[in-house]
Amino acid sequence: MKVKGFILRVQPTGRMTYICQYNRAKRVTIGKADFLTPTQARDRVKEILADVVRGIDPIAERKRDQEHTLVTYLERVYTPWVESHHKNGQATIKRLKTNFIGEFGNKKLSEISAWTVEKWRSARLKRG
């Protein structure tokens, strides 16, 4: 069965990848041919194309799902880095968690700007 937008990309190295193409050159990688059968990949392409028809952009959905909150960023990315690059890495993490988690912990990093931090800081200084 033919499905429009279902692509098998074969690299010069021989590596094969399933891809779904939609909306003029927008592409989403489905997976490697080593791990998916053509039927599984075709079914996934049908799901993606159905979402596109409903107005859901798969690329935007992936980016939204991968976006960190302050808590997840501190735990997964910043903590390992600061602990290996600074003498007082633990103290830095403790200070960040003590001061910022209550206000900004569950916010996405894209929602936190210099302006929001400055408003928070000003309000905190007024409280004393």
PDB file of N, CA and C in Angstrom:
ATOM      1  N   MET A   1       0.837  -1.175   0.000  1.00  0.00           N
ATOM      2  CA  MET A   1       0.000   0.000   0.000  1.00  0.00           C
ATOM      3  C   MET A   1       0.881   1.237   0.000  1.00  0.00           C
ATOM      4  N   LYS A   2       0.588   2.187  -0.899  1.00  0.00           N
ATOM      5  CA  LYS A   2       1.366   3.416  -0.977  1.00  0.00           C
ATOM      6  C   LYS A   2       0.812   4.450  -0.004  1.00  0.00           C
ATOM      7  N   VAL A   3       1.743   5.117   0.667  1.00  0.00           N
ATOM      8  CA  VAL A   3       1.388   6.209   1.563  1.00  0.00           C
ATOM      9  C   VAL A   3       2.209   7.411   1.127  1.00  0.00           C
ATOM     10  N   LYS A   4       1.505   8.502   0.785  1.00  0.00           N
ATOM     11  CA  LYS A   4       2.194   9.705   0.347  1.00  0.00           C
ATOM     12  C   LYS A   4       2.961  10.299   1.523  1.00  0.00           C
ATOM     13  N   GLY A   5       4.236  10.619   1.311  1.00  0.00           N
ATOM     14  CA  GLY A   5       5.059  11.189   2.358  1.00  0.00           C
ATOM     15  C   GLY A   5       5.898  10.162   3.108  1.00  0.00           C
ATOM     16  N   PHE A   6       5.785   8.900   2.756  1.00  0.00           N
ATOM     17  CA  PHE A   6       6.557   7.828   3.416  1.00  0.00           C
ATOM     18  C   PHE A   6       7.848   7.640   2.642  1.00  0.00           C
ATOM     19  N   ILE A   7       8.987   7.892   3.301  1.00  0.00           N
ATOM     20  CA  ILE A   7      10.288   7.860   2.635  1.00  0.00           C
ATOM     21  C   ILE A   7      11.222   6.914   3.373  1.00  0.00           C
ATOM     22  N   LEU A   8      11.999   6.157   2.612  1.00  0.00           N
ATOM     23  CA  LEU A   8      13.094   5.371   3.169  1.00  0.00           C
ATOM     24  C   LEU A   8      14.373   6.002   2.652  1.00  0.00           C
ATOM     25  N   ARG A   9      15.125   6.660   3.533  1.00  0.00           N
ATOM     26  CA  ARG A   9      16.372   7.306   3.138  1.00  0.00           C
ATOM     27  C   ARG A   9      17.504   6.311   3.347  1.00  0.00           C
ATOM     28  N   VAL A  10      18.289   6.103   2.288  1.00  0.00           N
ATOM     29  CA  VAL A  10      19.445   5.220   2.352  1.00  0.00           C
ATOM     30  C   VAL A  10      20.701   6.072   2.207  1.00  0.00           C
ATOM     31  N   GLN A  11      21.504   6.103   3.262  1.00  0.00           N
ATOM     32  CA  GLN A  11      22.742   6.877   3.266  1.00  0.00           C
ATOM     33  C   GLN A  11      23.817   6.135   2.483  1.00  0.00           C
ATOM     34  N   PRO A  12      24.849   6.836   2.050  1.00  0.00           N
ATOM     35  CA  PRO A  12      25.950   6.166   1.350  1.00  0.00           C
ATOM     36  C   PRO A  12      26.608   5.072   2.196  1.00  0.00           C
ATOM     37  N   THR A  13      26.506   5.181   3.512  1.00  0.00           N
ATOM     38  CA  THR A  13      27.088   4.173   4.393  1.00  0.00           C
ATOM     39  C   THR A  13      26.244   2.905   4.448  1.00  0.00           C
ATOM     40  N   GLY A  14      25.012   2.982   3.901  1.00  0.00           N
ATOM     41  CA  GLY A  14      24.116   1.843   3.946  1.00  0.00           C
ATOM     42  C   GLY A  14      23.070   1.953   5.043  1.00  0.00           C
ATOM     43  N   ARG A  15      23.196   2.942   5.878  1.00  0.00           N
ATOM     44  CA  ARG A  15      22.234   3.149   6.965  1.00  0.00           C
ATOM     45  C   ARG A  15      20.892   3.589   6.378  1.00  0.00           C
ATOM     46  N   MET A  16      19.821   2.954   6.828  1.00  0.00           N
ATOM     47  CA  MET A  16      18.490   3.247   6.310  1.00  0.00           C
ATOM     48  C   MET A  16      17.598   3.813   7.410  1.00  0.00           C
ATOM     49  N   THR A  17      16.878   4.878   7.067  1.00  0.00           N
ATOM     50  CA  THR A  17      16.023   5.566   8.021  1.00  0.00           C
ATOM     51  C   THR A  17      14.667   5.835   7.385  1.00  0.00           C
ATOM     52  N   TYR A  18      13.600   5.617   8.168  1.00  0.00           N
ATOM     53  CA  TYR A  18      12.250   5.944   7.712  1.00  0.00           C
ATOM     54  C   TYR A  18      11.949   7.394   8.069  1.00  0.00           C
ATOM     55  N   ILE A  19      11.322   8.097   7.114  1.00  0.00           N
ATOM     56  CA  ILE A  19      11.017   9.513   7.285  1.00  0.00           C
ATOM     57  C   ILE A  19       9.589   9.774   6.825  1.00  0.00           C
ATOM     58  N   CYS A  20       8.930  10.700   7.499  1.00  0.00           N
ATOM     59  CA  CYS A  20       7.615  11.168   7.080  1.00  0.00           C
ATOM     60  C   CYS A  20       7.768  12.598   6.590  1.00  0.00           C
ATOM     61  N   GLN A  21       7.358  12.853   5.350  1.00  0.00           N
ATOM     62  CA  GLN A  21       7.411  14.203   4.797  1.00  0.00           C
ATOM     63  C   GLN A  21       5.995  14.736   4.677  1.00  0.00           C
ATOM     64  N   TYR A  22       5.805  15.995   5.115  1.00  0.00           N
ATOM     65  CA  TYR A  22       4.502  16.639   5.037  1.00  0.00           C
ATOM     66  C   TYR A  22       4.695  18.125   4.786  1.00  0.00           C
ATOM     67  N   ASN A  23       3.688  18.807   4.317  1.00  0.00           N
ATOM     68  CA  ASN A  23       3.704  20.270   4.129  1.00  0.00           C
ATOM     69  C   ASN A  23       4.968  20.801   3.468  1.00  0.00           C
ATOM     70  N   ARG A  24       5.271  20.363   2.303  1.00  0.00           N
ATOM     71  CA  ARG A  24       6.393  20.895   1.523  1.00  0.00           C
ATOM     72  C   ARG A  24       7.709  20.928   2.282  1.00  0.00           C
ATOM     73  N   ALA A  25       8.398  19.881   2.271  1.00  0.00           N
ATOM     74  CA  ALA A  25       9.759  19.775   2.799  1.00  0.00           C
ATOM     75  C   ALA A  25       9.859  19.780   4.316  1.00  0.00           C
ATOM     76  N   LYS A  26       8.776  19.621   5.046  1.00  0.00           N
ATOM     77  CA  LYS A  26       8.875  19.416   6.489  1.00  0.00           C
ATOM     78  C   LYS A  26       8.963  17.911   6.695  1.00  0.00           C
ATOM     79  N   ARG A  27       9.971  17.508   7.430  1.00  0.00           N
ATOM     80  CA  ARG A  27      10.211  16.074   7.610  1.00  0.00           C
ATOM     81  C   ARG A  27      10.387  15.718   9.071  1.00  0.00           C
ATOM     82  N   VAL A  28       9.894  14.532   9.412  1.00  0.00           N
ATOM     83  CA  VAL A  28      10.045  13.978  10.749  1.00  0.00           C
ATOM     84  C   VAL A  28      10.665  12.599  10.594  1.00  0.00           C
ATOM     85  N   THR A  29      11.747  12.347  11.312  1.00  0.00           N
ATOM     86  CA  THR A  29      12.373  11.031  11.272  1.00  0.00           C
ATOM     87  C   THR A  29      11.561  10.076  12.138  1.00  0.00           C
ATOM     88  N   ILE A  30      11.215   8.938  11.563  1.00  0.00           N
ATOM     89  CA  ILE A  30      10.422   7.925  12.268  1.00  0.00           C
ATOM     90  C   ILE A  30      11.336   6.996  13.057  1.00  0.00           C
ATOM     91  N   GLY A  31      12.383   6.512  12.412  1.00  0.00           N
ATOM     92  CA  GLY A  31      13.311   5.621  13.086  1.00  0.00           C
ATOM     93  C   GLY A  31      14.187   4.874  12.098  1.00  0.00           C
ATOM     94  N   LYS A  32      15.111   4.118  12.628  1.00  0.00           N
ATOM     95  CA  LYS A  32      16.026   3.344  11.794  1.00  0.00           C
ATOM     96  C   LYS A  32      15.344   2.075  11.302  1.00  0.00           C
ATOM     97  N   ALA A  33      15.718   1.666  10.099  1.00  0.00           N
ATOM     98  CA  ALA A  33      15.143   0.467   9.510  1.00  0.00           C
ATOM     99  C   ALA A  33      15.582  -0.794  10.249  1.00  0.00           C
ATOM    100  N   ASP A  34      16.652  -0.689  11.048  1.00  0.00           N
ATOM    101  CA  ASP A  34      17.111  -1.833  11.831  1.00  0.00           C
ATOM    102  C   ASP A  34      16.107  -2.188  12.922  1.00  0.00           C
ATOM    103  N   PHE A  35      15.364  -1.183  13.408  1.00  0.00           N
ATOM    104  CA  PHE A  35      14.489  -1.377  14.559  1.00  0.00           C
ATOM    105  C   PHE A  35      13.008  -1.410  14.212  1.00  0.00           C
ATOM    106  N   LEU A  36      12.635  -0.877  13.055  1.00  0.00           N
ATOM    107  CA  LEU A  36      11.233  -0.839  12.655  1.00  0.00           C
ATOM    108  C   LEU A  36      11.019  -1.639  11.379  1.00  0.00           C
ATOM    109  N   THR A  37       9.895  -2.300  11.318  1.00  0.00           N
ATOM    110  CA  THR A  37       9.515  -2.955  10.072  1.00  0.00           C
ATOM    111  C   THR A  37       8.865  -1.907   9.183  1.00  0.00           C
ATOM    112  N   PRO A  38       8.806  -2.138   7.879  1.00  0.00           N
ATOM    113  CA  PRO A  38       8.128  -1.176   7.000  1.00  0.00           C
ATOM    114  C   PRO A  38       6.662  -0.950   7.396  1.00  0.00           C
ATOM    115  N   THR A  39       6.006  -1.979   7.871  1.00  0.00           N
ATOM    116  CA  THR A  39       4.606  -1.845   8.280  1.00  0.00           C
ATOM    117  C   THR A  39       4.481  -0.943   9.505  1.00  0.00           C
ATOM    118  N   GLN A  40       5.349  -1.111  10.488  1.00  0.00           N
ATOM    119  CA  GLN A  40       5.321  -0.259  11.677  1.00  0.00           C
ATOM    120  C   GLN A  40       5.589   1.196  11.304  1.00  0.00           C
ATOM    121  N   ALA A  41       6.585   1.421  10.452  1.00  0.00           N
ATOM    122  CA  ALA A  41       6.925   2.780  10.037  1.00  0.00           C
ATOM    123  C   ALA A  41       5.777   3.401   9.246  1.00  0.00           C
ATOM    124  N   ARG A  42       5.161   2.619   8.352  1.00  0.00           N
ATOM    125  CA  ARG A  42       4.030   3.107   7.559  1.00  0.00           C
ATOM    126  C   ARG A  42       2.864   3.497   8.462  1.00  0.00           C
ATOM    127  N   ASP A  43       2.593   2.694   9.488  1.00  0.00           N
ATOM    128  CA  ASP A  43       1.510   3.010  10.420  1.00  0.00           C
ATOM    129  C   ASP A  43       1.805   4.315  11.174  1.00  0.00           C
ATOM    130  N   ARG A  44       3.059   4.508  11.566  1.00  0.00           N
ATOM    131  CA  ARG A  44       3.442   5.735  12.269  1.00  0.00           C
ATOM    132  C   ARG A  44       3.298   6.950  11.351  1.00  0.00           C
ATOM    133  N   VAL A  45       3.644   6.790  10.068  1.00  0.00           N
ATOM    134  CA  VAL A  45       3.488   7.876   9.096  1.00  0.00           C
ATOM    135  C   VAL A  45       2.014   8.239   8.961  1.00  0.00           C
ATOM    136  N   LYS A  46       1.145   7.239   8.927  1.00  0.00           N
ATOM    137  CA  LYS A  46      -0.299   7.506   8.833  1.00  0.00           C
ATOM    138  C   LYS A  46      -0.777   8.299  10.048  1.00  0.00           C
ATOM    139  N   GLU A  47      -0.275   7.962  11.237  1.00  0.00           N
ATOM    140  CA  GLU A  47      -0.645   8.697  12.449  1.00  0.00           C
ATOM    141  C   GLU A  47      -0.182  10.158  12.361  1.00  0.00           C
ATOM    142  N   ILE A  48       1.047  10.360  11.915  1.00  0.00           N
ATOM    143  CA  ILE A  48       1.592  11.715  11.807  1.00  0.00           C
ATOM    144  C   ILE A  48       0.798  12.527  10.792  1.00  0.00           C
ATOM    145  N   LEU A  49       0.497  11.941   9.645  1.00  0.00           N
ATOM    146  CA  LEU A  49      -0.256  12.656   8.621  1.00  0.00           C
ATOM    147  C   LEU A  49      -1.674  12.965   9.092  1.00  0.00           C
ATOM    148  N   ALA A  50      -2.262  12.070   9.878  1.00  0.00           N
ATOM    149  CA  ALA A  50      -3.593  12.334  10.444  1.00  0.00           C
ATOM    150  C   ALA A  50      -3.528  13.515  11.410  1.00  0.00           C
ATOM    151  N   ASP A  51      -2.467  13.587  12.212  1.00  0.00           N
ATOM    152  CA  ASP A  51      -2.292  14.722  13.118  1.00  0.00           C
ATOM    153  C   ASP A  51      -2.140  16.027  12.341  1.00  0.00           C
ATOM    154  N   VAL A  52      -1.404  15.985  11.241  1.00  0.00           N
ATOM    155  CA  VAL A  52      -1.212  17.181  10.418  1.00  0.00           C
ATOM    156  C   VAL A  52      -2.554  17.658   9.870  1.00  0.00           C
ATOM    157  N   VAL A  53      -3.394  16.729   9.443  1.00  0.00           N
ATOM    158  CA  VAL A  53      -4.723  17.085   8.934  1.00  0.00           C
ATOM    159  C   VAL A  53      -5.553  17.746  10.038  1.00  0.00           C
ATOM    160  N   ARG A  54      -5.385  17.294  11.271  1.00  0.00           N
ATOM    161  CA  ARG A  54      -6.112  17.870  12.412  1.00  0.00           C
ATOM    162  C   ARG A  54      -5.504  19.187  12.886  1.00  0.00           C
ATOM    163  N   GLY A  55      -4.379  19.597  12.278  1.00  0.00           N
ATOM    164  CA  GLY A  55      -3.779  20.881  12.634  1.00  0.00           C
ATOM    165  C   GLY A  55      -2.671  20.794  13.663  1.00  0.00           C
ATOM    166  N   ILE A  56      -2.192  19.602  13.950  1.00  0.00           N
ATOM    167  CA  ILE A  56      -1.118  19.419  14.926  1.00  0.00           C
ATOM    168  C   ILE A  56       0.202  19.279  14.166  1.00  0.00           C
ATOM    169  N   ASP A  57       1.146  20.170  14.447  1.00  0.00           N
ATOM    170  CA  ASP A  57       2.453  20.115  13.795  1.00  0.00           C
ATOM    171  C   ASP A  57       3.370  19.198  14.596  1.00  0.00           C
ATOM    172  N   PRO A  58       3.810  18.073  14.017  1.00  0.00           N
ATOM    173  CA  PRO A  58       4.634  17.123  14.770  1.00  0.00           C
ATOM    174  C   PRO A  58       5.973  17.692  15.242  1.00  0.00           C
ATOM    175  N   ILE A  59       6.564  18.586  14.473  1.00  0.00           N
ATOM    176  CA  ILE A  59       7.849  19.165  14.871  1.00  0.00           C
ATOM    177  C   ILE A  59       7.652  20.058  16.099  1.00  0.00           C
ATOM    178  N   ALA A  60       6.610  20.870  16.086  1.00  0.00           N
ATOM    179  CA  ALA A  60       6.325  21.738  17.234  1.00  0.00           C
ATOM    180  C   ALA A  60       5.989  20.910  18.469  1.00  0.00           C
ATOM    181  N   GLU A  61       5.279  19.804  18.292  1.00  0.00           N
ATOM    182  CA  GLU A  61       4.938  18.928  19.414  1.00  0.00           C
ATOM    183  C   GLU A  61       6.195  18.326  20.032  1.00  0.00           C
ATOM    184  N   ARG A  62       7.130  17.882  19.197  1.00  0.00           N
ATOM    185  CA  ARG A  62       8.377  17.309  19.713  1.00  0.00           C
ATOM    186  C   ARG A  62       9.168  18.336  20.497  1.00  0.00           C
ATOM    187  N   LYS A  63       9.246  19.550  19.957  1.00  0.00           N
ATOM    188  CA  LYS A  63       9.994  20.602  20.649  1.00  0.00           C
ATOM    189  C   LYS A  63       9.339  20.929  21.986  1.00  0.00           C
ATOM    190  N   ARG A  64       8.004  20.981  22.007  1.00  0.00           N
ATOM    191  CA  ARG A  64       7.286  21.295  23.237  1.00  0.00           C
ATOM    192  C   ARG A  64       7.514  20.205  24.274  1.00  0.00           C
ATOM    193  N   ASP A  65       7.521  18.955  23.848  1.00  0.00           N
ATOM    194  CA  ASP A  65       7.736  17.846  24.776  1.00  0.00           C
ATOM    195  C   ASP A  65       9.155  17.826  25.338  1.00  0.00           C
ATOM    196  N   GLN A  66      10.110  18.310  24.567  1.00  0.00           N
ATOM    197  CA  GLN A  66      11.504  18.264  24.994  1.00  0.00           C
ATOM    198  C   GLN A  66      11.926  19.496  25.780  1.00  0.00           C
ATOM    199  N   GLU A  67      11.072  20.499  25.859  1.00  0.00           N
ATOM    200  CA  GLU A  67      11.444  21.731  26.538  1.00  0.00           C
ATOM    201  C   GLU A  67      11.516  21.509  28.051  1.00  0.00           C
ATOM    202  N   HIS A  68      12.573  22.005  28.650  1.00  0.00           N
ATOM    203  CA  HIS A  68      12.809  21.826  30.083  1.00  0.00           C
ATOM    204  C   HIS A  68      12.055  22.852  30.923  1.00  0.00           C
ATOM    205  N   THR A  69      11.648  22.417  32.118  1.00  0.00           N
ATOM    206  CA  THR A  69      11.268  23.370  33.153  1.00  0.00           C
ATOM    207  C   THR A  69      12.554  23.687  33.914  1.00  0.00           C
ATOM    208  N   LEU A  70      12.491  24.662  34.810  1.00  0.00           N
ATOM    209  CA  LEU A  70      13.695  25.002  35.573  1.00  0.00           C
ATOM    210  C   LEU A  70      14.171  23.807  36.389  1.00  0.00           C
ATOM    211  N   VAL A  71      13.236  23.087  37.000  1.00  0.00           N
ATOM    212  CA  VAL A  71      13.603  21.928  37.828  1.00  0.00           C
ATOM    213  C   VAL A  71      14.284  20.847  36.990  1.00  0.00           C
ATOM    214  N   THR A  72      13.692  20.486  35.850  1.00  0.00           N
ATOM    215  CA  THR A  72      14.286  19.420  35.035  1.00  0.00           C
ATOM    216  C   THR A  72      15.632  19.849  34.463  1.00  0.00           C
ATOM    217  N   TYR A  73      15.768  21.128  34.101  1.00  0.00           N
ATOM    218  CA  TYR A  73      17.045  21.610  33.587  1.00  0.00           C
ATOM    219  C   TYR A  73      18.126  21.529  34.663  1.00  0.00           C
ATOM    220  N   LEU A  74      17.789  21.981  35.872  1.00  0.00           N
ATOM    221  CA  LEU A  74      18.770  21.929  36.960  1.00  0.00           C
ATOM    222  C   LEU A  74      19.192  20.498  37.249  1.00  0.00           C
ATOM    223  N   GLU A  75      18.228  19.582  37.295  1.00  0.00           N
ATOM    224  CA  GLU A  75      18.535  18.198  37.641  1.00  0.00           C
ATOM    225  C   GLU A  75      19.289  17.455  36.546  1.00  0.00           C
ATOM    226  N   ARG A  76      18.875  17.618  35.304  1.00  0.00           N
ATOM    227  CA  ARG A  76      19.430  16.808  34.221  1.00  0.00           C
ATOM    228  C   ARG A  76      20.647  17.418  33.534  1.00  0.00           C
ATOM    229  N   VAL A  77      20.687  18.737  33.444  1.00  0.00           N
ATOM    230  CA  VAL A  77      21.739  19.376  32.656  1.00  0.00           C
ATOM    231  C   VAL A  77      22.735  20.140  33.537  1.00  0.00           C
ATOM    232  N   TYR A  78      22.233  21.075  34.335  1.00  0.00           N
ATOM    233  CA  TYR A  78      23.122  21.990  35.042  1.00  0.00           C
ATOM    234  C   TYR A  78      23.862  21.333  36.209  1.00  0.00           C
ATOM    235  N   THR A  79      23.180  20.524  36.999  1.00  0.00           N
ATOM    236  CA  THR A  79      23.821  19.903  38.166  1.00  0.00           C
ATOM    237  C   THR A  79      25.042  19.068  37.781  1.00  0.00           C
ATOM    238  N   PRO A  80      24.938  18.147  36.814  1.00  0.00           N
ATOM    239  CA  PRO A  80      26.145  17.388  36.460  1.00  0.00           C
ATOM    240  C   PRO A  80      27.293  18.290  35.964  1.00  0.00           C
ATOM    241  N   TRP A  81      26.928  19.330  35.210  1.00  0.00           N
ATOM    242  CA  TRP A  81      27.961  20.214  34.691  1.00  0.00           C
ATOM    243  C   TRP A  81      28.624  21.000  35.810  1.00  0.00           C
ATOM    244  N   VAL A  82      27.832  21.656  36.661  1.00  0.00           N
ATOM    245  CA  VAL A  82      28.410  22.519  37.697  1.00  0.00           C
ATOM    246  C   VAL A  82      29.213  21.705  38.713  1.00  0.00           C
ATOM    247  N   GLU A  83      28.789  20.486  38.997  1.00  0.00           N
ATOM    248  CA  GLU A  83      29.533  19.655  39.943  1.00  0.00           C
ATOM    249  C   GLU A  83      30.889  19.236  39.397  1.00  0.00           C
ATOM    250  N   SER A  84      31.007  19.091  38.084  1.00  0.00           N
ATOM    251  CA  SER A  84      32.292  18.683  37.521  1.00  0.00           C
ATOM    252  C   SER A  84      33.193  19.868  37.172  1.00  0.00           C
ATOM    253  N   HIS A  85      32.649  21.083  37.107  1.00  0.00           N
ATOM    254  CA  HIS A  85      33.438  22.233  36.693  1.00  0.00           C
ATOM    255  C   HIS A  85      33.692  23.273  37.793  1.00  0.00           C
ATOM    256  N   HIS A  86      33.038  23.141  38.935  1.00  0.00           N
ATOM    257  CA  HIS A  86      33.209  24.120  40.012  1.00  0.00           C
ATOM    258  C   HIS A  86      33.528  23.412  41.324  1.00  0.00           C
ATOM    259  N   LYS A  87      34.345  24.067  42.144  1.00  0.00           N
ATOM    260  CA  LYS A  87      34.664  23.498  43.453  1.00  0.00           C
ATOM    261  C   LYS A  87      33.424  23.400  44.327  1.00  0.00           C
ATOM    262  N   ASN A  88      32.640  24.457  44.356  1.00  0.00           N
ATOM    263  CA  ASN A  88      31.465  24.522  45.222  1.00  0.00           C
ATOM    264  C   ASN A  88      30.179  24.279  44.431  1.00  0.00           C
ATOM    265  N   GLY A  89      30.178  23.292  43.578  1.00  0.00           N
ATOM    266  CA  GLY A  89      29.019  22.991  42.757  1.00  0.00           C
ATOM    267  C   GLY A  89      27.775  22.667  43.564  1.00  0.00           C
ATOM    268  N   GLN A  90      27.944  21.892  44.639  1.00  0.00           N
ATOM    269  CA  GLN A  90      26.805  21.524  45.492  1.00  0.00           C
ATOM    270  C   GLN A  90      26.188  22.766  46.135  1.00  0.00           C
ATOM    271  N   ALA A  91      27.025  23.689  46.581  1.00  0.00           N
ATOM    272  CA  ALA A  91      26.529  24.918  47.205  1.00  0.00           C
ATOM    273  C   ALA A  91      25.761  25.766  46.198  1.00  0.00           C
ATOM    274  N   THR A  92      26.243  25.822  44.979  1.00  0.00           N
ATOM    275  CA  THR A  92      25.566  26.586  43.938  1.00  0.00           C
ATOM    276  C   THR A  92      24.175  26.013  43.673  1.00  0.00           C
ATOM    277  N   ILE A  93      24.097  24.698  43.554  1.00  0.00           N
ATOM    278  CA  ILE A  93      22.811  24.036  43.304  1.00  0.00           C
ATOM    279  C   ILE A  93      21.869  24.267  44.474  1.00  0.00           C
ATOM    280  N   LYS A  94      22.368  24.146  45.678  1.00  0.00           N
ATOM    281  CA  LYS A  94      21.535  24.352  46.865  1.00  0.00           C
ATOM    282  C   LYS A  94      20.982  25.774  46.888  1.00  0.00           C
ATOM    283  N   ARG A  95      21.839  26.746  46.580  1.00  0.00           N
ATOM    284  CA  ARG A  95      21.412  28.143  46.567  1.00  0.00           C
ATOM    285  C   ARG A  95      20.342  28.383  45.492  1.00  0.00           C
ATOM    286  N   LEU A  96      20.529  27.817  44.318  1.00  0.00           N
ATOM    287  CA  LEU A  96      19.540  27.970  43.251  1.00  0.00           C
ATOM    288  C   LEU A  96      18.199  27.351  43.641  1.00  0.00           C
ATOM    289  N   LYS A  97      18.267  26.156  44.215  1.00  0.00           N
ATOM    290  CA  LYS A  97      17.028  25.485  44.609  1.00  0.00           C
ATOM    291  C   LYS A  97      16.323  26.233  45.727  1.00  0.00           C
ATOM    292  N   THR A  98      17.074  26.755  46.673  1.00  0.00           N
ATOM    293  CA  THR A  98      16.485  27.480  47.794  1.00  0.00           C
ATOM    294  C   THR A  98      15.801  28.765  47.322  1.00  0.00           C
ATOM    295  N   ASN A  99      16.450  29.492  46.424  1.00  0.00           N
ATOM    296  CA  ASN A  99      15.948  30.807  46.035  1.00  0.00           C
ATOM    297  C   ASN A  99      14.952  30.799  44.884  1.00  0.00           C
ATOM    298  N   PHE A 100      15.114  29.908  43.923  1.00  0.00           N
ATOM    299  CA  PHE A 100      14.333  30.034  42.692  1.00  0.00           C
ATOM    300  C   PHE A 100      13.258  28.962  42.468  1.00  0.00           C
ATOM    301  N   ILE A 101      13.398  27.801  43.049  1.00  0.00           N
ATOM    302  CA  ILE A 101      12.472  26.711  42.756  1.00  0.00           C
ATOM    303  C   ILE A 101      11.032  27.058  43.141  1.00  0.00           C
ATOM    304  N   GLY A 102      10.843  27.704  44.269  1.00  0.00           N
ATOM    305  CA  GLY A 102       9.492  28.036  44.700  1.00  0.00           C
ATOM    306  C   GLY A 102       8.749  28.902  43.701  1.00  0.00           C
ATOM    307  N   GLU A 103       9.433  29.862  43.108  1.00  0.00           N
ATOM    308  CA  GLU A 103       8.794  30.798  42.184  1.00  0.00           C
ATOM    309  C   GLU A 103       8.812  30.311  40.741  1.00  0.00           C
ATOM    310  N   PHE A 104       9.927  29.740  40.293  1.00  0.00           N
ATOM    311  CA  PHE A 104      10.112  29.431  38.881  1.00  0.00           C
ATOM    312  C   PHE A 104      10.229  27.936  38.571  1.00  0.00           C
ATOM    313  N   GLY A 105      10.155  27.081  39.571  1.00  0.00           N
ATOM    314  CA  GLY A 105      10.453  25.665  39.391  1.00  0.00           C
ATOM    315  C   GLY A 105       9.687  24.951  38.301  1.00  0.00           C
ATOM    316  N   ASN A 106       8.387  25.184  38.192  1.00  0.00           N
ATOM    317  CA  ASN A 106       7.580  24.459  37.209  1.00  0.00           C
ATOM    318  C   ASN A 106       7.365  25.234  35.916  1.00  0.00           C
ATOM    319  N   LYS A 107       8.022  26.378  35.768  1.00  0.00           N
ATOM    320  CA  LYS A 107       7.904  27.157  34.538  1.00  0.00           C
ATOM    321  C   LYS A 107       8.889  26.632  33.503  1.00  0.00           C
ATOM    322  N   LYS A 108       8.472  26.684  32.245  1.00  0.00           N
ATOM    323  CA  LYS A 108       9.367  26.316  31.154  1.00  0.00           C
ATOM    324  C   LYS A 108      10.459  27.377  31.061  1.00  0.00           C
ATOM    325  N   LEU A 109      11.640  26.985  30.634  1.00  0.00           N
ATOM    326  CA  LEU A 109      12.744  27.937  30.526  1.00  0.00           C
ATOM    327  C   LEU A 109      12.401  29.075  29.568  1.00  0.00           C
ATOM    328  N   SER A 110      11.616  28.795  28.545  1.00  0.00           N
ATOM    329  CA  SER A 110      11.241  29.846  27.598  1.00  0.00           C
ATOM    330  C   SER A 110      10.317  30.883  28.223  1.00  0.00           C
ATOM    331  N   GLU A 111       9.667  30.539  29.336  1.00  0.00           N
ATOM    332  CA  GLU A 111       8.766  31.472  30.011  1.00  0.00           C
ATOM    333  C   GLU A 111       9.509  32.368  31.010  1.00  0.00           C
ATOM    334  N   ILE A 112      10.739  32.028  31.327  1.00  0.00           N
ATOM    335  CA  ILE A 112      11.513  32.797  32.299  1.00  0.00           C
ATOM    336  C   ILE A 112      12.417  33.764  31.536  1.00  0.00           C
ATOM    337  N   SER A 113      12.199  35.047  31.757  1.00  0.00           N
ATOM    338  CA  SER A 113      13.016  36.058  31.088  1.00  0.00           C
ATOM    339  C   SER A 113      13.695  36.925  32.143  1.00  0.00           C
ATOM    340  N   ALA A 114      14.580  37.777  31.698  1.00  0.00           N
ATOM    341  CA  ALA A 114      15.242  38.701  32.620  1.00  0.00           C
ATOM    342  C   ALA A 114      14.200  39.588  33.288  1.00  0.00           C
ATOM    343  N   TRP A 115      13.156  39.950  32.553  1.00  0.00           N
ATOM    344  CA  TRP A 115      12.115  40.809  33.103  1.00  0.00           C
ATOM    345  C   TRP A 115      11.352  40.106  34.220  1.00  0.00           C
ATOM    346  N   THR A 116      10.995  38.832  34.044  1.00  0.00           N
ATOM    347  CA  THR A 116      10.263  38.117  35.098  1.00  0.00           C
ATOM    348  C   THR A 116      11.138  37.943  36.336  1.00  0.00           C
ATOM    349  N   VAL A 117      12.411  37.696  36.148  1.00  0.00           N
ATOM    350  CA  VAL A 117      13.320  37.560  37.293  1.00  0.00           C
ATOM    351  C   VAL A 117      13.471  38.902  38.002  1.00  0.00           C
ATOM    352  N   GLU A 118      13.567  39.979  37.236  1.00  0.00           N
ATOM    353  CA  GLU A 118      13.702  41.304  37.843  1.00  0.00           C
ATOM    354  C   GLU A 118      12.445  41.682  38.622  1.00  0.00           C
ATOM    355  N   LYS A 119      11.262  41.387  38.091  1.00  0.00           N
ATOM    356  CA  LYS A 119      10.017  41.661  38.833  1.00  0.00           C
ATOM    357  C   LYS A 119       9.987  40.867  40.132  1.00  0.00           C
ATOM    358  N   TRP A 120      10.390  39.594  40.071  1.00  0.00           N
ATOM    359  CA  TRP A 120      10.433  38.749  41.273  1.00  0.00           C
ATOM    360  C   TRP A 120      11.425  39.315  42.291  1.00  0.00           C
ATOM    361  N   ARG A 121      12.581  39.719  41.793  1.00  0.00           N
ATOM    362  CA  ARG A 121      13.622  40.269  42.658  1.00  0.00           C
ATOM    363  C   ARG A 121      13.152  41.553  43.342  1.00  0.00           C
ATOM    364  N   SER A 122      12.534  42.426  42.586  1.00  0.00           N
ATOM    365  CA  SER A 122      12.038  43.689  43.150  1.00  0.00           C
ATOM    366  C   SER A 122      10.980  43.435  44.227  1.00  0.00           C
ATOM    367  N   ALA A 123      10.067  42.522  43.941  1.00  0.00           N
ATOM    368  CA  ALA A 123       9.032  42.190  44.924  1.00  0.00           C
ATOM    369  C   ALA A 123       9.658  41.586  46.176  1.00  0.00           C
ATOM    370  N   ARG A 124      10.674  40.792  46.023  1.00  0.00           N
ATOM    371  CA  ARG A 124      11.349  40.161  47.164  1.00  0.00           C
ATOM    372  C   ARG A 124      12.081  41.210  48.012  1.00  0.00           C
ATOM    373  N   LEU A 125      12.698  42.175  47.363  1.00  0.00           N
ATOM    374  CA  LEU A 125      13.394  43.244  48.089  1.00  0.00           C
ATOM    375  C   LEU A 125      12.408  44.122  48.859  1.00  0.00           C
ATOM    376  N   LYS A 126      11.229  44.367  48.303  1.00  0.00           N
ATOM    377  CA  LYS A 126      10.228  45.182  48.979  1.00  0.00           C
ATOM    378  C   LYS A 126       9.703  44.494  50.238  1.00  0.00           C
ATOM    379  N   ARG A 127       9.599  43.159  50.156  1.00  0.00           N
ATOM    380  CA  ARG A 127       9.125  42.399  51.324  1.00  0.00           C
ATOM    381  C   ARG A 127      10.149  42.433  52.452  1.00  0.00           C
ATOM    382  N   GLY A 128      11.378  42.572  52.083  1.00  0.00           N
ATOM    383  CA  GLY A 128      12.406  42.686  53.123  1.00  0.00           C
ATOM    384  C   GLY A 128      13.106  41.453  53.301  1.00  0.00           C
TER     385      GLY A 128
END
